[in-house]
Amino acid sequence: MYKGMVVKGVVVPEVGVMLREGSEVRIEPIEMEQAVSRHFRPVGEWVGPLGEIDRLIRESQDLREADLLSHEQP
C-alpha cells in the first residue's frame, strides 16, 4: 500500500513512489482525525496570529508541491 495526498485535485503518491502510467489504483481517504492520531503527536500550541499560521501552512504546501514537481520524470 502506498500513501499520498491530494494536491490541487490530483492524488500525488509520497516521494519515491513510482507507479506505471495507466496503473489502476484504489483510493481510500483517511479521515482527518484518524490521520492525525496515527501520524502526529501534539508538540505545543500556536500562540501567534491565526493569519500567520495559515501563511506558513500555505508556504509549506507550496514547497512540498514544488519538491514533488521537481521529482517528476520528463
C-alpha atoms as a PDB file:
ATOM      1  CA  MET A   1       0.000   0.000   0.000  1.00  0.00           C
ATOM      2  CA  TYR A   2       1.236   3.468  -0.843  1.00  0.00           C
ATOM      3  CA  LYS A   3       0.357   6.749   0.796  1.00  0.00           C
ATOM      4  CA  GLY A   4      -0.036  10.159  -0.739  1.00  0.00           C
ATOM      5  CA  MET A   5      -2.142  13.283  -0.648  1.00  0.00           C
ATOM      6  CA  VAL A   6      -4.455  15.278  -2.853  1.00  0.00           C
ATOM      7  CA  VAL A   7      -2.748  18.333  -4.356  1.00  0.00           C
ATOM      8  CA  LYS A   8      -4.976  20.643  -6.379  1.00  0.00           C
ATOM      9  CA  GLY A   9      -7.434  17.808  -7.012  1.00  0.00           C
ATOM     10  CA  VAL A  10      -4.814  15.229  -8.060  1.00  0.00           C
ATOM     11  CA  VAL A  11      -3.715  12.294  -5.900  1.00  0.00           C
ATOM     12  CA  VAL A  12       0.083  12.508  -5.542  1.00  0.00           C
ATOM     13  CA  PRO A  13       1.915   9.491  -4.071  1.00  0.00           C
ATOM     14  CA  GLU A  14       4.531  10.110  -1.397  1.00  0.00           C
ATOM     15  CA  VAL A  15       8.032  10.938  -2.618  1.00  0.00           C
ATOM     16  CA  GLY A  16       9.873   7.948  -4.058  1.00  0.00           C
ATOM     17  CA  VAL A  17       6.784   6.006  -5.160  1.00  0.00           C
ATOM     18  CA  MET A  18       6.765   5.405  -8.894  1.00  0.00           C
ATOM     19  CA  LEU A  19       3.666   3.838 -10.453  1.00  0.00           C
ATOM     20  CA  ARG A  20       3.474   2.821 -14.097  1.00  0.00           C
ATOM     21  CA  GLU A  21       1.380   5.064 -16.314  1.00  0.00           C
ATOM     22  CA  GLY A  22      -2.089   3.549 -16.608  1.00  0.00           C
ATOM     23  CA  SER A  23      -1.842   1.541 -13.378  1.00  0.00           C
ATOM     24  CA  GLU A  24      -5.168   1.020 -11.661  1.00  0.00           C
ATOM     25  CA  VAL A  25      -5.192   2.189  -8.069  1.00  0.00           C
ATOM     26  CA  ARG A  26      -7.598   2.120  -5.165  1.00  0.00           C
ATOM     27  CA  ILE A  27      -8.069   5.414  -3.360  1.00  0.00           C
ATOM     28  CA  GLU A  28      -9.375   5.344   0.179  1.00  0.00           C
ATOM     29  CA  PRO A  29      -9.498   8.635   2.090  1.00  0.00           C
ATOM     30  CA  ILE A  30      -8.146   8.624   5.615  1.00  0.00           C
ATOM     31  CA  GLU A  31     -10.397  10.552   7.936  1.00  0.00           C
ATOM     32  CA  MET A  32      -8.504  13.566   9.261  1.00  0.00           C
ATOM     33  CA  GLU A  33      -8.980  12.554  12.890  1.00  0.00           C
ATOM     34  CA  GLN A  34      -7.547   9.081  12.171  1.00  0.00           C
ATOM     35  CA  ALA A  35      -4.635  10.514  10.194  1.00  0.00           C
ATOM     36  CA  VAL A  36      -3.760  12.984  12.922  1.00  0.00           C
ATOM     37  CA  SER A  37      -3.962  10.415  15.700  1.00  0.00           C
ATOM     38  CA  ARG A  38      -1.853   7.908  13.743  1.00  0.00           C
ATOM     39  CA  HIS A  39       0.849  10.201  12.389  1.00  0.00           C
ATOM     40  CA  PHE A  40       1.113  13.246  14.588  1.00  0.00           C
ATOM     41  CA  ARG A  41       1.590  13.987  18.230  1.00  0.00           C
ATOM     42  CA  PRO A  42       0.933  17.475  19.558  1.00  0.00           C
ATOM     43  CA  VAL A  43       4.158  19.234  20.464  1.00  0.00           C
ATOM     44  CA  GLY A  44       2.794  22.585  21.537  1.00  0.00           C
ATOM     45  CA  GLU A  45       0.172  25.202  20.986  1.00  0.00           C
ATOM     46  CA  TRP A  46       0.211  28.009  18.413  1.00  0.00           C
ATOM     47  CA  VAL A  47       0.165  31.388  20.129  1.00  0.00           C
ATOM     48  CA  GLY A  48       0.810  33.634  17.123  1.00  0.00           C
ATOM     49  CA  PRO A  49      -1.721  35.387  14.910  1.00  0.00           C
ATOM     50  CA  LEU A  50      -4.067  32.992  13.098  1.00  0.00           C
ATOM     51  CA  GLY A  51      -3.261  34.529   9.713  1.00  0.00           C
ATOM     52  CA  GLU A  52       0.412  33.729  10.216  1.00  0.00           C
ATOM     53  CA  ILE A  53      -0.183  30.014  10.738  1.00  0.00           C
ATOM     54  CA  ASP A  54      -2.337  29.957   7.592  1.00  0.00           C
ATOM     55  CA  ARG A  55       0.508  31.627   5.650  1.00  0.00           C
ATOM     56  CA  LEU A  56       3.038  29.129   6.990  1.00  0.00           C
ATOM     57  CA  ILE A  57       0.798  26.189   6.067  1.00  0.00           C
ATOM     58  CA  ARG A  58       0.327  27.528   2.517  1.00  0.00           C
ATOM     59  CA  GLU A  59       4.079  28.112   2.197  1.00  0.00           C
ATOM     60  CA  SER A  60       4.782  24.572   3.370  1.00  0.00           C
ATOM     61  CA  GLN A  61       2.257  23.150   0.882  1.00  0.00           C
ATOM     62  CA  ASP A  62       3.789  25.197  -1.953  1.00  0.00           C
ATOM     63  CA  LEU A  63       7.281  23.936  -1.065  1.00  0.00           C
ATOM     64  CA  ARG A  64       6.057  20.321  -0.984  1.00  0.00           C
ATOM     65  CA  GLU A  65       4.322  20.713  -4.328  1.00  0.00           C
ATOM     66  CA  ALA A  66       7.457  22.245  -5.854  1.00  0.00           C
ATOM     67  CA  ASP A  67       9.503  19.347  -4.458  1.00  0.00           C
ATOM     68  CA  LEU A  68       7.080  16.798  -5.919  1.00  0.00           C
ATOM     69  CA  LEU A  69       7.116  18.524  -9.301  1.00  0.00           C
ATOM     70  CA  SER A  70      10.932  18.608  -9.327  1.00  0.00           C
ATOM     71  CA  HIS A  71      10.979  14.809  -8.982  1.00  0.00           C
ATOM     72  CA  GLU A  72       8.649  14.182 -11.930  1.00  0.00           C
ATOM     73  CA  GLN A  73      10.109  12.303 -14.864  1.00  0.00           C
ATOM     74  CA  PRO A  74      10.176  14.279 -18.163  1.00  0.00           C
END
